[in-house]
Protein backbone atom coordinates (compact mmCIF):
# COMPACT_ATOMS: atom_id res chain seq x y z
CA MET A 1 -13.88 -13.13 -15.98
CA ASP A 2 -12.77 -16.52 -14.79
CA TYR A 3 -10.68 -17.04 -11.65
CA PRO A 4 -7.27 -16.50 -13.33
CA TRP A 5 -8.42 -13.26 -14.87
CA PHE A 6 -9.86 -11.97 -11.65
CA GLU A 7 -6.74 -12.94 -9.71
CA ARG A 8 -4.36 -11.05 -12.15
CA HIS A 9 -6.52 -7.98 -12.59
CA VAL A 10 -8.22 -7.56 -9.28
CA LEU A 11 -6.97 -9.68 -6.39
CA LEU A 12 -3.15 -9.45 -7.06
CA PRO A 13 -2.73 -5.65 -7.47
CA GLY A 14 -5.67 -4.71 -5.19
CA TYR A 15 -6.18 -7.09 -2.34
CA TYR A 16 -3.21 -9.39 -1.65
CA PRO A 17 -2.39 -10.49 0.94
CA TRP A 18 -5.71 -9.67 2.62
CA ALA A 19 -8.24 -10.98 0.12
CA PRO A 20 -11.02 -12.79 1.95
CA ALA A 21 -12.27 -15.91 0.35
CA TRP A 22 -15.67 -14.29 -0.64
CA VAL A 23 -14.20 -11.38 -2.69
CA SER A 24 -13.86 -13.43 -5.96
CA ARG A 25 -17.11 -15.27 -5.60
CA ASP A 26 -19.26 -12.28 -4.66
CA VAL A 27 -17.80 -9.80 -6.93
CA ARG A 28 -18.05 -12.08 -9.88
CA ALA A 29 -21.50 -13.01 -9.02
CA GLY A 30 -22.54 -9.47 -8.67
CA VAL A 31 -21.12 -8.57 -12.03
CA ALA A 32 -23.04 -11.52 -13.58
CA ILE A 33 -26.28 -10.43 -11.95
CA ALA A 34 -25.66 -6.76 -13.08
CA GLY A 35 -25.08 -8.02 -16.66
CA ILE A 36 -28.26 -10.27 -16.63
CA ALA A 37 -30.29 -7.20 -15.51
CA LEU A 38 -28.92 -4.91 -18.23
CA VAL A 39 -29.69 -7.61 -20.87
CA ALA A 40 -33.31 -7.88 -19.43
CA ALA A 41 -33.54 -4.25 -19.47
CA SER A 42 -32.13 -3.66 -22.91
CA TRP A 43 -35.28 -4.60 -24.96
CA PRO A 44 -37.88 -2.17 -23.20
CA ALA A 45 -35.13 0.43 -23.15
CA GLY A 46 -34.47 0.05 -26.70
CA ARG A 47 -38.17 0.23 -27.64
CA ALA A 48 -38.47 3.38 -25.52
CA LEU A 49 -35.48 4.94 -27.14
CA ALA A 50 -36.89 4.22 -30.64
CA ARG A 51 -40.04 6.30 -29.75
CA ALA A 52 -38.12 9.00 -27.80
CA THR A 53 -38.49 12.63 -28.95
CA LEU A 54 -35.77 15.31 -28.70
CA GLY A 55 -37.45 16.71 -25.69
CA GLY A 56 -37.67 13.39 -23.97
CA ALA A 57 -34.01 12.73 -24.60
CA ALA A 58 -33.17 16.11 -23.20
CA ARG A 59 -35.03 15.37 -20.04
CA ILE A 60 -33.34 12.13 -19.61
CA ALA A 61 -29.84 13.76 -20.09
CA LEU A 62 -30.79 16.50 -17.54
CA ALA A 63 -31.89 13.91 -15.02
CA VAL A 64 -28.58 12.01 -15.37
CA ALA A 65 -26.52 15.15 -15.08
CA LEU A 66 -28.50 16.21 -11.89
CA ALA A 67 -28.11 12.73 -10.49
CA LEU A 68 -24.25 12.94 -11.06
CA ALA A 69 -24.07 16.51 -9.62
CA ALA A 70 -26.10 15.38 -6.45
CA SER A 71 -23.77 12.41 -6.09
CA GLU A 72 -20.89 14.69 -6.19
CA LEU A 73 -22.35 17.14 -3.59
CA VAL A 74 -22.96 14.15 -1.35
CA LEU A 75 -19.42 12.86 -1.63
CA ARG A 76 -18.10 16.39 -0.98
CA ARG A 77 -19.54 16.61 2.51
CA GLY A 78 -16.50 17.75 4.66
CA ASP A 79 -14.61 18.95 1.65
CA GLY A 80 -11.10 20.12 2.54
CA GLN A 81 -10.75 16.80 4.52
CA PRO A 82 -9.65 13.51 3.19
CA ALA A 83 -12.29 11.65 1.22
CA ALA A 84 -14.76 9.70 3.40
CA TRP A 85 -13.17 6.46 2.03
CA ARG A 86 -9.81 7.59 3.38
CA ALA A 87 -10.55 9.56 6.54
CA ALA A 88 -11.18 6.40 8.66
CA LYS A 89 -7.98 4.77 7.80
CA LEU A 90 -5.38 4.47 10.41
CA GLU A 91 -2.83 6.57 8.65
CA PHE A 92 -5.19 9.56 8.39
CA ARG A 93 -6.23 9.24 12.02
CA LEU A 94 -2.59 9.38 13.20
CA GLY A 95 -1.14 11.68 10.57
CA ARG A 96 -1.53 14.64 8.29
CA PRO A 97 -1.13 15.32 4.51
CA ASP A 98 2.33 15.98 3.26
CA PRO A 99 3.31 17.63 -0.08
CA GLN A 100 6.13 15.20 -0.67
CA PHE A 101 5.29 11.88 0.86
CA GLY A 102 1.50 12.08 0.62
CA TRP A 103 0.92 11.85 4.41
CA VAL A 104 3.12 11.33 7.49
CA LEU A 105 2.56 10.62 11.10
CA LEU A 106 2.12 13.52 13.51
CA PRO A 107 5.40 13.72 15.53
CA SER A 108 5.83 13.49 19.33
CA ARG A 109 2.48 11.95 20.27
CA ALA A 110 0.92 8.78 21.43
CA THR A 111 -2.59 7.63 20.35
CA VAL A 112 -4.71 4.59 21.41
CA LEU A 113 -6.50 2.93 18.68
CA GLY A 114 -8.07 -0.49 18.02
CA PRO A 115 -10.92 -2.49 19.19
CA PRO A 116 -11.91 -2.20 22.83
CA GLN A 117 -10.61 -5.83 23.48
CA HIS A 118 -7.34 -5.06 21.75
CA PRO A 119 -6.24 -1.34 22.22
CA VAL A 120 -2.76 -0.48 20.82
CA VAL A 121 -0.65 2.44 21.63
CA TYR A 122 0.83 4.00 18.61
CA ALA A 123 3.71 6.24 19.78
CA VAL A 124 5.43 8.57 17.26
CA ASP A 125 8.82 10.18 18.02
CA ALA A 126 10.18 13.62 17.20
CA TRP A 127 11.14 12.54 13.65
CA GLY A 128 7.62 11.40 12.89
CA ASP A 129 8.27 7.73 13.05
CA ARG A 130 6.69 4.91 14.99
CA ALA A 131 8.73 4.24 18.15
CA GLN A 132 8.74 2.87 21.76
CA GLU A 133 8.01 6.36 23.13
CA PRO A 134 6.79 9.61 21.85
CA GLN A 135 9.53 11.59 23.67
CA GLY A 136 12.85 12.18 22.05
CA ALA A 137 14.34 11.21 18.68
CA PRO A 138 16.88 8.73 17.12
CA ASP A 139 20.56 9.34 17.60
CA PRO A 140 21.97 10.03 14.10
CA ASP A 141 25.38 8.63 15.11
CA LEU A 142 24.31 5.17 16.17
CA PRO A 143 24.51 2.18 13.71
CA SER A 144 20.85 1.95 12.52
CA LEU A 145 18.34 -0.35 10.85
CA ILE A 146 15.87 1.59 8.62
CA VAL A 147 12.58 -0.13 8.06
CA THR A 148 10.31 1.39 5.37
CA GLY A 149 7.08 0.15 3.60
CA GLU A 150 3.42 -0.08 4.40
CA SER A 151 1.16 -1.26 7.39
CA ILE A 152 2.92 -4.51 8.18
CA ALA A 153 6.28 -2.72 8.48
CA ALA A 154 4.49 -0.16 10.79
CA GLY A 155 3.22 -2.85 12.95
CA HIS A 156 -0.43 -2.17 12.40
CA GLY A 157 -2.47 -3.85 15.09
CA VAL A 158 0.30 -4.88 17.49
CA ALA A 159 2.27 -2.97 20.19
CA TYR A 160 5.58 -1.46 19.02
CA GLU A 161 7.80 -4.13 20.90
CA GLN A 162 5.83 -6.85 19.17
CA SER A 163 6.30 -5.58 15.67
CA PHE A 164 9.06 -7.23 13.52
CA PRO A 165 11.14 -3.99 13.08
CA ALA A 166 11.47 -3.71 16.95
CA MET A 167 12.41 -7.40 17.17
CA MET A 168 14.99 -7.17 14.33
CA GLY A 169 16.72 -4.11 16.04
CA LYS A 170 17.03 -6.08 19.23
CA ASP A 171 18.32 -9.21 17.47
CA LEU A 172 20.88 -7.33 15.46
CA GLY A 173 21.82 -4.76 18.09
CA LEU A 174 20.82 -1.89 15.90
CA GLN A 175 18.87 1.28 16.44
CA VAL A 176 15.47 1.07 14.68
CA ILE A 177 14.30 3.97 12.45
CA ASN A 178 10.72 2.82 11.39
CA VAL A 179 9.60 5.21 8.61
CA ALA A 180 6.81 2.83 7.38
CA CYS A 181 3.24 4.02 7.29
CA GLY A 182 -0.01 2.51 6.61
CA GLY A 183 -1.28 2.70 2.98
CA TYR A 184 2.18 3.60 1.52
CA GLY A 185 3.18 2.62 -2.01
CA SER A 186 6.62 1.56 -3.07
CA ASP A 187 7.39 5.12 -4.18
CA GLN A 188 6.45 6.56 -0.70
CA ALA A 189 8.61 3.92 1.00
CA LEU A 190 11.58 5.00 -1.26
CA LEU A 191 11.07 8.61 -0.50
CA ARG A 192 10.96 8.05 3.19
CA LEU A 193 14.05 5.75 2.97
CA GLY A 194 15.84 8.54 1.32
CA ASP A 195 14.88 11.04 4.01
CA ALA A 196 16.04 8.66 6.73
CA LEU A 197 19.35 8.00 5.06
CA GLU A 198 20.05 11.80 4.84
CA ARG A 199 19.54 12.05 8.66
CA LEU A 200 21.76 9.23 9.63
CA ARG A 201 25.49 8.97 9.73
CA ARG A 202 25.74 5.31 10.15
CA PRO A 203 22.90 3.51 8.37
CA THR A 204 23.71 -0.15 8.42
CA ALA A 205 20.73 -1.93 6.75
CA ALA A 206 17.43 -1.12 5.17
CA VAL A 207 14.57 -3.38 5.22
CA ILE A 208 11.85 -2.56 2.65
CA THR A 209 8.51 -4.36 2.80
CA PHE A 210 6.65 -5.15 -0.54
CA VAL A 211 3.14 -6.59 -1.01
CA PRO A 212 1.46 -6.78 -4.36
CA VAL A 213 -1.32 -4.26 -3.38
CA MET A 214 1.55 -1.75 -3.97
CA LEU A 215 1.14 -2.12 -7.59
CA PHE A 216 -2.10 -0.47 -7.41
CA ARG A 217 -0.99 2.15 -4.76
CA ASN A 218 1.91 3.10 -6.99
CA VAL A 219 -0.42 4.50 -9.64
CA GLN A 220 -2.92 6.20 -7.56
CA ASP A 221 -2.89 9.87 -8.53
CA TYR A 222 -4.73 11.64 -5.68
CA ARG A 223 -1.36 12.17 -4.01
CA PRO A 224 2.13 13.23 -5.09
CA ARG A 225 3.96 10.18 -6.40
CA LEU A 226 6.96 8.92 -8.39
CA ALA A 227 6.50 8.43 -12.17
CA LEU A 228 8.77 7.29 -15.02
CA ARG A 229 9.49 10.26 -17.37
CA GLU A 230 11.77 9.26 -20.31
CA GLY A 231 13.09 6.21 -18.22
CA ALA A 232 13.84 8.28 -15.11
CA LEU A 233 11.95 8.55 -11.78
CA GLY A 234 10.58 11.84 -10.89
CA LEU A 235 8.09 13.29 -8.22
CA VAL A 236 4.89 14.53 -9.87
CA PRO A 237 1.98 16.41 -8.14
CA PRO A 238 -1.52 14.94 -7.59
CA ALA A 239 -3.59 14.98 -10.71
CA GLU A 240 -4.93 18.38 -11.58
CA GLY A 241 -7.85 19.89 -13.42
CA PHE A 242 -11.63 19.97 -13.06
CA PHE A 243 -12.20 16.25 -13.55
CA ALA A 244 -9.31 15.22 -11.32
CA ARG A 245 -10.89 17.11 -8.41
CA LEU A 246 -14.19 15.36 -8.77
CA ARG A 247 -14.77 12.89 -5.90
CA LEU A 248 -16.71 10.57 -8.22
CA ARG A 249 -13.66 10.47 -10.48
CA ASP A 250 -11.46 9.80 -7.48
CA LEU A 251 -13.59 7.02 -6.36
CA LEU A 252 -13.67 5.24 -9.60
CA VAL A 253 -10.05 5.78 -10.59
CA ASN A 254 -8.17 5.53 -7.15
CA GLU A 255 -10.33 3.19 -5.25
CA VAL A 256 -11.87 0.62 -7.50
CA ARG A 257 -9.10 -2.01 -7.30
CA TYR A 258 -8.61 -3.01 -10.86
CA LEU A 259 -5.74 -2.77 -13.35
CA SER A 260 -6.07 -3.52 -17.01
CA ASP A 261 -3.28 -5.48 -18.95
CA HIS A 262 -1.83 -2.14 -19.92
CA GLY A 263 -2.17 -0.77 -16.32
CA LEU A 264 -0.48 -3.96 -14.96
CA ARG A 265 2.38 -3.61 -17.50
CA GLU A 266 2.93 0.15 -16.71
CA SER A 267 2.70 -0.37 -12.91
CA THR A 268 5.20 -3.30 -12.95
CA ARG A 269 7.60 -1.34 -14.91
CA LEU A 270 7.29 1.67 -12.53
CA THR A 271 7.48 -0.58 -9.45
CA ALA A 272 10.56 -2.29 -10.83
CA ALA A 273 12.36 0.92 -11.24
CA ILE A 274 11.27 2.07 -7.83
CA LEU A 275 12.70 -1.05 -6.17
CA ARG A 276 16.01 -0.77 -8.06
CA GLU A 277 16.34 2.81 -6.84
CA SER A 278 15.55 1.87 -3.33
CA ALA A 279 18.48 -0.68 -3.28
CA ARG A 280 20.77 1.69 -4.92
CA ALA A 281 20.01 4.49 -2.58
CA ALA A 282 20.58 2.24 0.51
CA ARG A 283 23.88 0.89 -0.84
CA GLN A 284 25.11 4.40 -1.85
CA ARG A 285 24.90 5.30 1.82
CA GLY A 286 26.52 2.14 3.17
CA ALA A 287 23.23 0.34 4.06
CA GLU A 288 22.66 -3.26 3.20
CA PRO A 289 19.20 -3.56 1.54
CA LEU A 290 16.83 -6.46 1.80
CA PHE A 291 13.23 -6.56 0.56
CA ALA A 292 10.84 -8.19 2.81
CA VAL A 293 7.92 -9.76 0.83
CA VAL A 294 5.04 -11.05 3.12
CA SER A 295 2.56 -13.48 1.61
CA ILE A 296 -0.56 -15.08 3.19
CA GLY A 297 -0.67 -18.78 2.92
CA ARG A 298 1.09 -21.87 3.69
CA ARG A 299 4.88 -22.25 3.14
CA ARG A 300 5.39 -22.76 -0.46
CA THR A 301 8.09 -22.52 -3.16
CA LEU A 302 8.26 -19.21 -5.22
CA ASP A 303 6.55 -20.70 -8.08
CA GLU A 304 3.65 -21.95 -6.00
CA HIS A 305 2.73 -18.53 -4.95
CA PRO A 306 -0.04 -16.72 -6.89
CA GLU A 307 2.25 -13.75 -7.13
CA GLY A 308 5.31 -15.83 -8.01
CA ALA A 309 5.66 -14.67 -11.51
CA LEU A 310 5.49 -11.04 -10.33
CA LEU A 311 8.10 -11.58 -7.63
CA ARG A 312 10.39 -13.30 -10.14
CA GLU A 313 10.08 -10.41 -12.40
CA LEU A 314 10.62 -7.77 -9.78
CA PHE A 315 13.30 -9.35 -7.69
CA VAL A 316 14.98 -12.41 -9.18
CA GLU A 317 15.46 -11.06 -12.64
CA GLN A 318 16.67 -7.75 -11.26
CA GLY A 319 18.98 -9.45 -8.85
CA LEU A 320 17.54 -7.68 -5.80
CA PRO A 321 17.98 -9.30 -2.54
CA TYR A 322 14.63 -10.46 -0.94
CA ALA A 323 13.16 -12.77 1.63
CA LEU A 324 9.71 -14.23 0.97
CA VAL A 325 7.92 -14.89 4.25
CA ASP A 326 4.52 -16.85 4.28
CA VAL A 327 2.27 -16.02 6.93
CA ASP A 328 -0.44 -18.62 7.78
CA PRO A 329 -3.94 -17.24 7.79
CA ALA A 330 -4.35 -18.40 11.44
CA GLU A 331 -1.55 -15.93 12.28
CA LEU A 332 -3.61 -13.01 11.33
CA LEU A 333 -5.40 -10.54 13.55
CA PRO A 334 -9.13 -11.53 13.31
CA TRP A 335 -10.38 -7.93 13.42
CA ASP A 336 -8.39 -6.54 10.53
CA GLY A 337 -6.35 -9.25 8.84
CA HIS A 338 -2.79 -7.94 9.69
CA PRO A 339 -0.05 -10.27 11.16
CA ASP A 340 -0.42 -10.91 14.83
CA PRO A 341 2.56 -10.91 17.27
CA ALA A 342 3.59 -14.52 16.63
CA ALA A 343 3.55 -13.79 12.86
CA HIS A 344 5.82 -10.72 13.59
CA ARG A 345 8.27 -12.85 15.54
CA ARG A 346 8.56 -15.35 12.76
CA ILE A 347 8.83 -12.56 10.21
CA ALA A 348 11.72 -11.02 12.13
CA THR A 349 13.42 -14.22 12.56
CA GLU A 350 13.41 -14.97 8.89
CA LEU A 351 14.51 -11.49 7.96
CA VAL A 352 17.42 -11.48 10.52
CA ALA A 353 18.49 -14.91 9.09
CA ALA A 354 18.60 -13.49 5.62
CA LEU A 355 20.12 -10.01 6.60
CA ARG A 356 22.82 -11.27 9.12
CA PRO A 357 25.09 -12.99 6.60
CA ARG A 358 24.83 -10.02 4.30
CA LEU A 359 25.95 -7.72 7.07
CA SER A 360 28.81 -9.86 7.98
CA HIS A 361 29.90 -10.03 4.37
CA ALA A 362 29.62 -6.32 4.03
CA GLN A 363 31.91 -5.78 7.05
């Protein structure tokens, strides 16, 4: 469990771009301490097991089963609502579950959230998308920029006018349809993109954000998701069955941010197919696609990025248009680690610079 292993299996698919410096050190130290404790306990436990009777073993098995049952009951407090580890997330405070998209924002409402020193108004229009005001809806006949993706694209932590989608719309002279939502995977971003394309008569461009944590989100099975079946993408329901409904199982499978080598290969293959389909869907409706990849750190070449090999596989080798934008850690909001207004301004500037020539060429 050296750093390259930890980076590949835990940080890259589970935490980038928000991993604090202590994650690797503290988690690895915790695992080492737990291993030492297990080794220390193994000798007396082995001796006790050697002397155990059938009745004693049965009592231990019963105690373990009751402990697991009690844990499940505790985790099920408020059953029927999102699990406790999701309920506090912004997307579940502003939205509702959805049978196709997993969750969506509640339309025609404005909510103030954030720390007392930095309240942010999250206005959602009649289409259920983040907007300047909760009243009204986009005009389907106007040339439009669709932005889809996760919390960075949704402008988490900043006012709407300070988010990069709003700035891009102003710079390009396009109506903005921001269908991004916090916590989305690449599959949810694709589904919301398709929904927006169907509503609009003049989609001009589509900006799709990607951060490596989407590798993990794309295989979470507590929600409807896209999966590869015989090489084709299809929507599958949440995991079903007795064990799938257990909160303990949900916590371990869907919240412990770790992917094995096999899991990484399968998630990368799935993500590559989703990104290809996102670009195809946009172009089919006449919208120029651009993938916005946000990475935390100093300005670097592609190969200097920890996620460089992944980005090369997903974008370069597939011939997908992308812009890699580095955000300095000093440009992150100190209370939640998302880009601040200055970072959003720079993201918008770099994306417009990458997208404008493509729009001119398309015309």
